[in-house]
Amino acid sequence: MKYPKLVPERVCTTPCTVYRTDGLNRDGSKKRTVIFEGKCFHSEKARQKLSAEKQLITLSGEALFCGDIAPDSPIIDGAVEIGGREYKIYGSEKAKNPDGTVNYTRLELI
C-alpha cells in the first residue's frame, strides 16, 4: 500500500547539510561526518522545552526531511548547517507508516 508523504519534496526548498559528530580527531576536536546533503523544510519558530534535568531549553526551530535521512541509525545527533548558520541538533524523530517505513524525519534545532 502506498502512504501519503506528509512532508512532500516540493516543500523542501532550503539547502542544508546534516553532520554527525562521533569520536575525536588527533587535535582533540570532534570528528564530523556528513550524513545528508540536500534540501529540507526549515521553520524558525522559537519555543521552550523542559529537559530531563528540569532546565529550560530554547529551541530555535526545526528541520523536516522527506523520508529517512539516516537509515543506518535510529538516533541522529550532531549539527545542521542551513543558510551559512550552524545549529545543534537537540532531538530527532522518525515518523513511521503503519508498515514500518519512515515517512519523514524531524530534527529539533538549538
Protein backbone atom coordinates (compact mmCIF):
# COMPACT_ATOMS: atom_id res chain seq x y z
CA MET A 1 0.00 0.00 0.00
CA LYS A 2 1.23 3.49 -0.80
CA TYR A 3 1.05 6.04 2.01
CA PRO A 4 0.85 9.83 1.52
CA LYS A 5 4.01 11.85 2.11
CA LEU A 6 3.40 14.23 5.00
CA VAL A 7 6.48 16.29 4.00
CA PRO A 8 6.46 16.27 0.18
CA GLU A 9 9.56 17.02 -1.90
CA ARG A 10 8.01 20.22 -3.30
CA VAL A 11 8.06 21.98 0.12
CA CYS A 12 11.70 21.02 0.81
CA THR A 13 13.42 24.05 -0.74
CA THR A 14 16.11 25.09 1.77
CA PRO A 15 19.60 23.66 1.10
CA CYS A 16 21.14 22.08 4.20
CA THR A 17 23.87 19.73 5.39
CA VAL A 18 23.50 17.38 8.36
CA TYR A 19 26.67 16.37 10.24
CA ARG A 20 27.15 13.56 12.74
CA THR A 21 29.75 14.13 15.46
CA ASP A 22 31.41 10.94 16.62
CA GLY A 23 34.85 10.41 18.10
CA LEU A 24 37.76 12.83 18.26
CA ASN A 25 40.41 13.97 15.79
CA ARG A 26 44.11 13.97 16.67
CA ASP A 27 43.92 17.60 17.79
CA GLY A 28 41.04 16.83 20.20
CA SER A 29 38.26 18.40 18.14
CA LYS A 30 35.13 16.38 17.35
CA LYS A 31 35.13 14.34 14.16
CA ARG A 32 32.34 15.42 11.78
CA THR A 33 30.95 13.26 9.01
CA VAL A 34 28.27 14.32 6.53
CA ILE A 35 25.21 12.06 6.71
CA PHE A 36 22.86 14.11 4.49
CA GLU A 37 23.32 16.87 1.96
CA GLY A 38 20.21 18.10 0.20
CA LYS A 39 17.05 20.12 0.78
CA CYS A 40 14.74 20.40 3.77
CA PHE A 41 11.81 22.43 5.08
CA HIS A 42 13.24 24.78 7.71
CA SER A 43 10.95 26.56 10.16
CA GLU A 44 12.39 29.17 12.54
CA LYS A 45 9.95 29.05 15.40
CA ALA A 46 11.30 29.70 18.87
CA ARG A 47 9.80 27.62 21.64
CA GLN A 48 10.87 26.43 25.07
CA LYS A 49 11.16 22.89 26.31
CA LEU A 50 11.96 21.41 29.72
CA SER A 51 14.89 18.97 29.69
CA ALA A 52 15.24 15.84 31.85
CA GLU A 53 17.33 17.86 34.33
CA LYS A 54 14.47 20.39 34.68
CA GLN A 55 16.38 23.05 32.72
CA LEU A 56 14.57 25.34 30.30
CA ILE A 57 15.93 24.96 26.74
CA THR A 58 15.00 27.39 23.95
CA LEU A 59 14.68 25.70 20.56
CA SER A 60 15.33 27.97 17.58
CA GLY A 61 13.45 25.92 15.00
CA GLU A 62 13.07 22.60 13.28
CA ALA A 63 14.03 20.95 10.00
CA LEU A 64 11.74 18.49 8.21
CA PHE A 65 13.01 15.99 5.62
CA CYS A 66 11.08 13.75 3.25
CA GLY A 67 11.88 10.12 4.10
CA ASP A 68 14.75 8.74 6.19
CA ILE A 69 18.00 10.76 6.05
CA ALA A 70 19.99 8.31 8.21
CA PRO A 71 18.72 4.75 7.67
CA ASP A 72 21.69 3.22 9.50
CA SER A 73 20.99 4.84 12.89
CA PRO A 74 17.77 5.26 14.91
CA ILE A 75 19.01 8.42 16.68
CA ILE A 76 20.50 11.42 14.87
CA ASP A 77 22.83 13.74 16.78
CA GLY A 78 25.30 16.38 15.68
CA ALA A 79 24.79 19.63 13.79
CA VAL A 80 22.91 21.08 10.82
CA GLU A 81 24.16 23.86 8.55
CA ILE A 82 21.36 25.90 6.98
CA GLY A 83 21.97 29.14 5.10
CA GLY A 84 25.52 29.57 6.41
CA ARG A 85 24.37 29.24 10.02
CA GLU A 86 25.09 26.18 12.14
CA TYR A 87 22.51 24.71 14.52
CA LYS A 88 22.98 21.96 17.12
CA ILE A 89 20.55 19.03 16.98
CA TYR A 90 18.60 18.74 20.24
CA GLY A 91 16.24 15.92 19.26
CA SER A 92 15.27 13.79 16.29
CA GLU A 93 12.11 11.96 15.27
CA LYS A 94 11.44 9.47 12.50
CA ALA A 95 7.70 9.31 11.85
CA LYS A 96 6.77 5.88 10.56
CA ASN A 97 3.99 4.50 8.38
CA PRO A 98 1.92 1.51 9.60
CA ASP A 99 4.11 -0.84 7.53
CA GLY A 100 7.30 0.34 9.31
CA THR A 101 8.80 2.56 6.61
CA VAL A 102 9.86 6.11 7.53
CA ASN A 103 7.52 8.83 6.23
CA TYR A 104 9.55 11.87 7.31
CA THR A 105 12.39 12.91 9.63
CA ARG A 106 12.13 15.86 12.02
CA LEU A 107 15.12 17.50 13.74
CA GLU A 108 14.70 19.93 16.66
CA LEU A 109 17.41 22.62 16.47
CA ILE A 110 19.06 24.81 19.09
